[in-house]
Amino acid sequence: MIYLLAIFLPPLGLLLNGQPFNAILNLILIVPCFFLGLIFHPLLLVPSIHAVIAIYMEREKRRHREIVEAIRQHGAPREWRE
């Protein structure tokens, strides 16, 4: 769901994902991409692509932190210790 929001309303999707700095950067990115996108149409996709990539990277970072925290709390899996 957050990815759909990131495609259609990139700054809002970034804000709801907890990335205010990226949301501001995305707002700044929208202005030149809109005006230059009138000439070169693929530039209209740049803010949405930025938002989707930023959300994906943040989710991967959170997943990595959760795995590291679980290993710290419960120890490494048995396969890793052998």
PDB file of N, CA and C in Angstrom:
ATOM      1  N   MET A   1       0.818  -1.185   0.000  1.00  0.00           N
ATOM      2  CA  MET A   1       0.000   0.000   0.000  1.00  0.00           C
ATOM      3  C   MET A   1       0.873   1.265   0.000  1.00  0.00           C
ATOM      4  N   ILE A   2       1.942   1.221   0.780  1.00  0.00           N
ATOM      5  CA  ILE A   2       2.818   2.397   0.861  1.00  0.00           C
ATOM      6  C   ILE A   2       3.489   2.654  -0.484  1.00  0.00           C
ATOM      7  N   TYR A   3       3.713   1.584  -1.259  1.00  0.00           N
ATOM      8  CA  TYR A   3       4.344   1.757  -2.562  1.00  0.00           C
ATOM      9  C   TYR A   3       3.391   2.448  -3.547  1.00  0.00           C
ATOM     10  N   LEU A   4       2.096   2.149  -3.484  1.00  0.00           N
ATOM     11  CA  LEU A   4       1.131   2.847  -4.328  1.00  0.00           C
ATOM     12  C   LEU A   4       1.079   4.327  -3.985  1.00  0.00           C
ATOM     13  N   LEU A   5       1.115   4.603  -2.695  1.00  0.00           N
ATOM     14  CA  LEU A   5       1.129   5.994  -2.263  1.00  0.00           C
ATOM     15  C   LEU A   5       2.408   6.685  -2.734  1.00  0.00           C
ATOM     16  N   ALA A   6       3.517   5.964  -2.707  1.00  0.00           N
ATOM     17  CA  ALA A   6       4.794   6.528  -3.161  1.00  0.00           C
ATOM     18  C   ALA A   6       4.785   6.807  -4.659  1.00  0.00           C
ATOM     19  N   ILE A   7       4.037   6.030  -5.404  1.00  0.00           N
ATOM     20  CA  ILE A   7       3.976   6.247  -6.854  1.00  0.00           C
ATOM     21  C   ILE A   7       3.116   7.462  -7.181  1.00  0.00           C
ATOM     22  N   PHE A   8       1.958   7.580  -6.522  1.00  0.00           N
ATOM     23  CA  PHE A   8       1.023   8.641  -6.881  1.00  0.00           C
ATOM     24  C   PHE A   8       1.228   9.936  -6.093  1.00  0.00           C
ATOM     25  N   LEU A   9       1.651   9.852  -4.839  1.00  0.00           N
ATOM     26  CA  LEU A   9       1.934  11.022  -4.001  1.00  0.00           C
ATOM     27  C   LEU A   9       3.265  10.793  -3.279  1.00  0.00           C
ATOM     28  N   PRO A  10       4.380  10.932  -3.994  1.00  0.00           N
ATOM     29  CA  PRO A  10       5.680  10.570  -3.435  1.00  0.00           C
ATOM     30  C   PRO A  10       6.035  11.225  -2.094  1.00  0.00           C
ATOM     31  N   PRO A  11       5.867  12.537  -1.911  1.00  0.00           N
ATOM     32  CA  PRO A  11       6.253  13.118  -0.617  1.00  0.00           C
ATOM     33  C   PRO A  11       5.420  12.583   0.551  1.00  0.00           C
ATOM     34  N   LEU A  12       4.135  12.370   0.320  1.00  0.00           N
ATOM     35  CA  LEU A  12       3.278  11.842   1.382  1.00  0.00           C
ATOM     36  C   LEU A  12       3.663  10.411   1.736  1.00  0.00           C
ATOM     37  N   GLY A  13       3.978   9.620   0.735  1.00  0.00           N
ATOM     38  CA  GLY A  13       4.426   8.251   0.985  1.00  0.00           C
ATOM     39  C   GLY A  13       5.700   8.216   1.808  1.00  0.00           C
ATOM     40  N   LEU A  14       6.617   9.118   1.510  1.00  0.00           N
ATOM     41  CA  LEU A  14       7.868   9.182   2.272  1.00  0.00           C
ATOM     42  C   LEU A  14       7.623   9.654   3.706  1.00  0.00           C
ATOM     43  N   LEU A  15       6.741  10.621   3.864  1.00  0.00           N
ATOM     44  CA  LEU A  15       6.427  11.102   5.218  1.00  0.00           C
ATOM     45  C   LEU A  15       5.800  10.008   6.071  1.00  0.00           C
ATOM     46  N   LEU A  16       4.861   9.271   5.493  1.00  0.00           N
ATOM     47  CA  LEU A  16       4.202   8.200   6.242  1.00  0.00           C
ATOM     48  C   LEU A  16       5.139   7.028   6.537  1.00  0.00           C
ATOM     49  N   ASN A  17       6.203   6.936   5.780  1.00  0.00           N
ATOM     50  CA  ASN A  17       7.198   5.891   6.041  1.00  0.00           C
ATOM     51  C   ASN A  17       8.250   6.356   7.049  1.00  0.00           C
ATOM     52  N   GLY A  18       8.135   7.591   7.523  1.00  0.00           N
ATOM     53  CA  GLY A  18       9.064   8.097   8.534  1.00  0.00           C
ATOM     54  C   GLY A  18      10.342   8.665   7.960  1.00  0.00           C
ATOM     55  N   GLN A  19      10.275   9.280   6.791  1.00  0.00           N
ATOM     56  CA  GLN A  19      11.446   9.837   6.150  1.00  0.00           C
ATOM     57  C   GLN A  19      11.186  11.302   5.772  1.00  0.00           C
ATOM     58  N   PRO A  20      11.183  12.198   6.751  1.00  0.00           N
ATOM     59  CA  PRO A  20      10.866  13.600   6.446  1.00  0.00           C
ATOM     60  C   PRO A  20      11.923  14.289   5.566  1.00  0.00           C
ATOM     61  N   PHE A  21      13.203  13.963   5.755  1.00  0.00           N
ATOM     62  CA  PHE A  21      14.234  14.584   4.929  1.00  0.00           C
ATOM     63  C   PHE A  21      14.067  14.191   3.466  1.00  0.00           C
ATOM     64  N   ASN A  22      13.796  12.915   3.213  1.00  0.00           N
ATOM     65  CA  ASN A  22      13.577  12.473   1.837  1.00  0.00           C
ATOM     66  C   ASN A  22      12.305  13.069   1.249  1.00  0.00           C
ATOM     67  N   ALA A  23      11.295  13.309   2.081  1.00  0.00           N
ATOM     68  CA  ALA A  23      10.061  13.924   1.595  1.00  0.00           C
ATOM     69  C   ALA A  23      10.328  15.360   1.135  1.00  0.00           C
ATOM     70  N   ILE A  24      11.125  16.102   1.904  1.00  0.00           N
ATOM     71  CA  ILE A  24      11.479  17.467   1.507  1.00  0.00           C
ATOM     72  C   ILE A  24      12.314  17.454   0.235  1.00  0.00           C
ATOM     73  N   LEU A  25      13.269  16.547   0.165  1.00  0.00           N
ATOM     74  CA  LEU A  25      14.089  16.409  -1.033  1.00  0.00           C
ATOM     75  C   LEU A  25      13.217  16.069  -2.243  1.00  0.00           C
ATOM     76  N   ASN A  26      12.233  15.227  -2.031  1.00  0.00           N
ATOM     77  CA  ASN A  26      11.345  14.846  -3.118  1.00  0.00           C
ATOM     78  C   ASN A  26      10.495  16.027  -3.578  1.00  0.00           C
ATOM     79  N   LEU A  27      10.044  16.857  -2.637  1.00  0.00           N
ATOM     80  CA  LEU A  27       9.297  18.057  -3.014  1.00  0.00           C
ATOM     81  C   LEU A  27      10.154  19.002  -3.853  1.00  0.00           C
ATOM     82  N   ILE A  28      11.408  19.144  -3.459  1.00  0.00           N
ATOM     83  CA  ILE A  28      12.333  19.986  -4.226  1.00  0.00           C
ATOM     84  C   ILE A  28      12.570  19.374  -5.613  1.00  0.00           C
ATOM     85  N   LEU A  29      12.618  18.063  -5.683  1.00  0.00           N
ATOM     86  CA  LEU A  29      12.858  17.362  -6.941  1.00  0.00           C
ATOM     87  C   LEU A  29      11.664  17.452  -7.885  1.00  0.00           C
ATOM     88  N   ILE A  30      10.468  17.573  -7.344  1.00  0.00           N
ATOM     89  CA  ILE A  30       9.260  17.617  -8.174  1.00  0.00           C
ATOM     90  C   ILE A  30       9.236  18.854  -9.066  1.00  0.00           C
ATOM     91  N   VAL A  31       9.664  19.997  -8.543  1.00  0.00           N
ATOM     92  CA  VAL A  31       9.557  21.259  -9.291  1.00  0.00           C
ATOM     93  C   VAL A  31      10.347  21.225 -10.611  1.00  0.00           C
ATOM     94  N   PRO A  32      11.651  20.957 -10.586  1.00  0.00           N
ATOM     95  CA  PRO A  32      12.358  20.949 -11.882  1.00  0.00           C
ATOM     96  C   PRO A  32      11.925  19.796 -12.781  1.00  0.00           C
ATOM     97  N   CYS A  33      11.579  18.668 -12.171  1.00  0.00           N
ATOM     98  CA  CYS A  33      11.149  17.532 -12.989  1.00  0.00           C
ATOM     99  C   CYS A  33       9.823  17.820 -13.682  1.00  0.00           C
ATOM    100  N   PHE A  34       8.963  18.590 -13.034  1.00  0.00           N
ATOM    101  CA  PHE A  34       7.693  18.939 -13.671  1.00  0.00           C
ATOM    102  C   PHE A  34       7.918  19.833 -14.887  1.00  0.00           C
ATOM    103  N   PHE A  35       8.706  20.878 -14.707  1.00  0.00           N
ATOM    104  CA  PHE A  35       8.923  21.804 -15.816  1.00  0.00           C
ATOM    105  C   PHE A  35       9.751  21.178 -16.938  1.00  0.00           C
ATOM    106  N   LEU A  36      10.796  20.474 -16.589  1.00  0.00           N
ATOM    107  CA  LEU A  36      11.597  19.812 -17.622  1.00  0.00           C
ATOM    108  C   LEU A  36      10.878  18.599 -18.201  1.00  0.00           C
ATOM    109  N   GLY A  37       9.950  18.029 -17.416  1.00  0.00           N
ATOM    110  CA  GLY A  37       9.176  16.883 -17.883  1.00  0.00           C
ATOM    111  C   GLY A  37       8.193  17.245 -18.979  1.00  0.00           C
ATOM    112  N   LEU A  38       7.866  18.515 -19.101  1.00  0.00           N
ATOM    113  CA  LEU A  38       6.997  18.931 -20.197  1.00  0.00           C
ATOM    114  C   LEU A  38       7.702  18.774 -21.544  1.00  0.00           C
ATOM    115  N   ILE A  39       9.031  18.820 -21.520  1.00  0.00           N
ATOM    116  CA  ILE A  39       9.824  18.646 -22.741  1.00  0.00           C
ATOM    117  C   ILE A  39      10.272  17.190 -22.870  1.00  0.00           C
ATOM    118  N   PHE A  40      10.810  16.655 -21.788  1.00  0.00           N
ATOM    119  CA  PHE A  40      11.347  15.292 -21.773  1.00  0.00           C
ATOM    120  C   PHE A  40      10.506  14.473 -20.792  1.00  0.00           C
ATOM    121  N   HIS A  41       9.493  13.803 -21.274  1.00  0.00           N
ATOM    122  CA  HIS A  41       8.451  13.184 -20.456  1.00  0.00           C
ATOM    123  C   HIS A  41       8.917  12.163 -19.404  1.00  0.00           C
ATOM    124  N   PRO A  42       9.950  11.371 -19.639  1.00  0.00           N
ATOM    125  CA  PRO A  42      10.367  10.428 -18.589  1.00  0.00           C
ATOM    126  C   PRO A  42      10.799  11.093 -17.276  1.00  0.00           C
ATOM    127  N   LEU A  43      11.151  12.365 -17.321  1.00  0.00           N
ATOM    128  CA  LEU A  43      11.537  13.062 -16.084  1.00  0.00           C
ATOM    129  C   LEU A  43      10.373  13.178 -15.103  1.00  0.00           C
ATOM    130  N   LEU A  44       9.152  13.042 -15.586  1.00  0.00           N
ATOM    131  CA  LEU A  44       7.995  13.101 -14.695  1.00  0.00           C
ATOM    132  C   LEU A  44       7.967  11.912 -13.735  1.00  0.00           C
ATOM    133  N   LEU A  45       8.667  10.844 -14.069  1.00  0.00           N
ATOM    134  CA  LEU A  45       8.687   9.645 -13.231  1.00  0.00           C
ATOM    135  C   LEU A  45       9.756   9.685 -12.140  1.00  0.00           C
ATOM    136  N   VAL A  46      10.691  10.603 -12.237  1.00  0.00           N
ATOM    137  CA  VAL A  46      11.833  10.637 -11.314  1.00  0.00           C
ATOM    138  C   VAL A  46      11.413  10.764  -9.843  1.00  0.00           C
ATOM    139  N   PRO A  47      10.501  11.665  -9.462  1.00  0.00           N
ATOM    140  CA  PRO A  47      10.126  11.746  -8.045  1.00  0.00           C
ATOM    141  C   PRO A  47       9.483  10.457  -7.515  1.00  0.00           C
ATOM    142  N   SER A  48       8.672   9.812  -8.329  1.00  0.00           N
ATOM    143  CA  SER A  48       8.052   8.558  -7.896  1.00  0.00           C
ATOM    144  C   SER A  48       9.087   7.452  -7.747  1.00  0.00           C
ATOM    145  N   ILE A  49      10.004   7.382  -8.687  1.00  0.00           N
ATOM    146  CA  ILE A  49      11.066   6.365  -8.607  1.00  0.00           C
ATOM    147  C   ILE A  49      11.927   6.605  -7.376  1.00  0.00           C
ATOM    148  N   HIS A  50      12.249   7.865  -7.107  1.00  0.00           N
ATOM    149  CA  HIS A  50      13.028   8.195  -5.915  1.00  0.00           C
ATOM    150  C   HIS A  50      12.306   7.733  -4.649  1.00  0.00           C
ATOM    151  N   ALA A  51      11.006   7.981  -4.577  1.00  0.00           N
ATOM    152  CA  ALA A  51      10.238   7.613  -3.388  1.00  0.00           C
ATOM    153  C   ALA A  51      10.188   6.096  -3.205  1.00  0.00           C
ATOM    154  N   VAL A  52       9.963   5.367  -4.278  1.00  0.00           N
ATOM    155  CA  VAL A  52       9.882   3.902  -4.182  1.00  0.00           C
ATOM    156  C   VAL A  52      11.224   3.323  -3.744  1.00  0.00           C
ATOM    157  N   ILE A  53      12.309   3.801  -4.304  1.00  0.00           N
ATOM    158  CA  ILE A  53      13.635   3.292  -3.933  1.00  0.00           C
ATOM    159  C   ILE A  53      13.959   3.647  -2.481  1.00  0.00           C
ATOM    160  N   ALA A  54      13.640   4.868  -2.056  1.00  0.00           N
ATOM    161  CA  ALA A  54      13.917   5.273  -0.673  1.00  0.00           C
ATOM    162  C   ALA A  54      13.113   4.448   0.314  1.00  0.00           C
ATOM    163  N   ILE A  55      11.853   4.170   0.010  1.00  0.00           N
ATOM    164  CA  ILE A  55      11.018   3.354   0.906  1.00  0.00           C
ATOM    165  C   ILE A  55      11.537   1.925   0.956  1.00  0.00           C
ATOM    166  N   TYR A  56      11.921   1.378  -0.187  1.00  0.00           N
ATOM    167  CA  TYR A  56      12.457   0.021  -0.212  1.00  0.00           C
ATOM    168  C   TYR A  56      13.736  -0.081   0.621  1.00  0.00           C
ATOM    169  N   MET A  57      14.629   0.886   0.461  1.00  0.00           N
ATOM    170  CA  MET A  57      15.892   0.852   1.203  1.00  0.00           C
ATOM    171  C   MET A  57      15.666   0.994   2.703  1.00  0.00           C
ATOM    172  N   GLU A  58      14.726   1.849   3.103  1.00  0.00           N
ATOM    173  CA  GLU A  58      14.435   2.020   4.529  1.00  0.00           C
ATOM    174  C   GLU A  58      13.834   0.747   5.120  1.00  0.00           C
ATOM    175  N   ARG A  59      12.962   0.087   4.379  1.00  0.00           N
ATOM    176  CA  ARG A  59      12.375  -1.166   4.871  1.00  0.00           C
ATOM    177  C   ARG A  59      13.442  -2.254   5.007  1.00  0.00           C
ATOM    178  N   GLU A  60      14.363  -2.321   4.047  1.00  0.00           N
ATOM    179  CA  GLU A  60      15.450  -3.296   4.143  1.00  0.00           C
ATOM    180  C   GLU A  60      16.338  -3.001   5.349  1.00  0.00           C
ATOM    181  N   LYS A  61      16.592  -1.717   5.609  1.00  0.00           N
ATOM    182  CA  LYS A  61      17.408  -1.340   6.760  1.00  0.00           C
ATOM    183  C   LYS A  61      16.713  -1.743   8.058  1.00  0.00           C
ATOM    184  N   ARG A  62      15.405  -1.536   8.151  1.00  0.00           N
ATOM    185  CA  ARG A  62      14.649  -1.935   9.340  1.00  0.00           C
ATOM    186  C   ARG A  62      14.673  -3.450   9.523  1.00  0.00           C
ATOM    187  N   ARG A  63      14.497  -4.190   8.418  1.00  0.00           N
ATOM    188  CA  ARG A  63      14.528  -5.657   8.494  1.00  0.00           C
ATOM    189  C   ARG A  63      15.897  -6.135   8.966  1.00  0.00           C
ATOM    190  N   HIS A  64      16.942  -5.513   8.464  1.00  0.00           N
ATOM    191  CA  HIS A  64      18.293  -5.883   8.870  1.00  0.00           C
ATOM    192  C   HIS A  64      18.497  -5.620  10.367  1.00  0.00           C
ATOM    193  N   ARG A  65      18.024  -4.469  10.844  1.00  0.00           N
ATOM    194  CA  ARG A  65      18.148  -4.152  12.279  1.00  0.00           C
ATOM    195  C   ARG A  65      17.406  -5.171  13.130  1.00  0.00           C
ATOM    196  N   GLU A  66      16.213  -5.602  12.685  1.00  0.00           N
ATOM    197  CA  GLU A  66      15.442  -6.591  13.437  1.00  0.00           C
ATOM    198  C   GLU A  66      16.178  -7.926  13.511  1.00  0.00           C
ATOM    199  N   ILE A  67      16.791  -8.334  12.414  1.00  0.00           N
ATOM    200  CA  ILE A  67      17.529  -9.597  12.395  1.00  0.00           C
ATOM    201  C   ILE A  67      18.744  -9.515  13.308  1.00  0.00           C
ATOM    202  N   VAL A  68      19.474  -8.421  13.242  1.00  0.00           N
ATOM    203  CA  VAL A  68      20.647  -8.255  14.095  1.00  0.00           C
ATOM    204  C   VAL A  68      20.243  -8.245  15.565  1.00  0.00           C
ATOM    205  N   GLU A  69      19.149  -7.567  15.884  1.00  0.00           N
ATOM    206  CA  GLU A  69      18.675  -7.529  17.274  1.00  0.00           C
ATOM    207  C   GLU A  69      18.240  -8.914  17.750  1.00  0.00           C
ATOM    208  N   ALA A  70      17.597  -9.693  16.890  1.00  0.00           N
ATOM    209  CA  ALA A  70      17.185 -11.050  17.260  1.00  0.00           C
ATOM    210  C   ALA A  70      18.407 -11.939  17.505  1.00  0.00           C
ATOM    211  N   ILE A  71      19.443 -11.771  16.690  1.00  0.00           N
ATOM    212  CA  ILE A  71      20.668 -12.560  16.888  1.00  0.00           C
ATOM    213  C   ILE A  71      21.346 -12.156  18.195  1.00  0.00           C
ATOM    214  N   ARG A  72      21.337 -10.881  18.519  1.00  0.00           N
ATOM    215  CA  ARG A  72      21.934 -10.441  19.788  1.00  0.00           C
ATOM    216  C   ARG A  72      21.179 -10.992  20.988  1.00  0.00           C
ATOM    217  N   GLN A  73      19.853 -11.035  20.892  1.00  0.00           N
ATOM    218  CA  GLN A  73      19.045 -11.496  22.018  1.00  0.00           C
ATOM    219  C   GLN A  73      19.074 -13.016  22.178  1.00  0.00           C
ATOM    220  N   HIS A  74      18.984 -13.737  21.067  1.00  0.00           N
ATOM    221  CA  HIS A  74      18.801 -15.187  21.148  1.00  0.00           C
ATOM    222  C   HIS A  74      20.004 -15.991  20.679  1.00  0.00           C
ATOM    223  N   GLY A  75      21.010 -15.340  20.182  1.00  0.00           N
ATOM    224  CA  GLY A  75      22.187 -16.044  19.692  1.00  0.00           C
ATOM    225  C   GLY A  75      22.027 -16.435  18.235  1.00  0.00           C
ATOM    226  N   ALA A  76      23.125 -16.823  17.646  1.00  0.00           N
ATOM    227  CA  ALA A  76      23.120 -17.203  16.229  1.00  0.00           C
ATOM    228  C   ALA A  76      22.431 -18.540  16.052  1.00  0.00           C
ATOM    229  N   PRO A  77      21.877 -18.791  14.874  1.00  0.00           N
ATOM    230  CA  PRO A  77      21.274 -20.095  14.607  1.00  0.00           C
ATOM    231  C   PRO A  77      22.316 -21.207  14.715  1.00  0.00           C
ATOM    232  N   ARG A  78      21.845 -22.386  15.001  1.00  0.00           N
ATOM    233  CA  ARG A  78      22.731 -23.538  15.217  1.00  0.00           C
ATOM    234  C   ARG A  78      23.622 -23.796  13.994  1.00  0.00           C
ATOM    235  N   GLU A  79      23.089 -23.600  12.788  1.00  0.00           N
ATOM    236  CA  GLU A  79      23.871 -23.841  11.568  1.00  0.00           C
ATOM    237  C   GLU A  79      25.075 -22.922  11.471  1.00  0.00           C
ATOM    238  N   TRP A  80      24.972 -21.725  12.017  1.00  0.00           N
ATOM    239  CA  TRP A  80      26.060 -20.749  11.942  1.00  0.00           C
ATOM    240  C   TRP A  80      27.182 -21.075  12.916  1.00  0.00           C
ATOM    241  N   ARG A  81      26.869 -21.770  13.976  1.00  0.00           N
ATOM    242  CA  ARG A  81      27.862 -22.032  15.028  1.00  0.00           C
ATOM    243  C   ARG A  81      28.780 -23.199  14.688  1.00  0.00           C
ATOM    244  N   GLU A  82      28.381 -24.039  13.787  1.00  0.00           N
ATOM    245  CA  GLU A  82      29.185 -25.238  13.477  1.00  0.00           C
ATOM    246  C   GLU A  82      30.302 -24.967  12.540  1.00  0.00           C
TER     247      GLU A  82
END
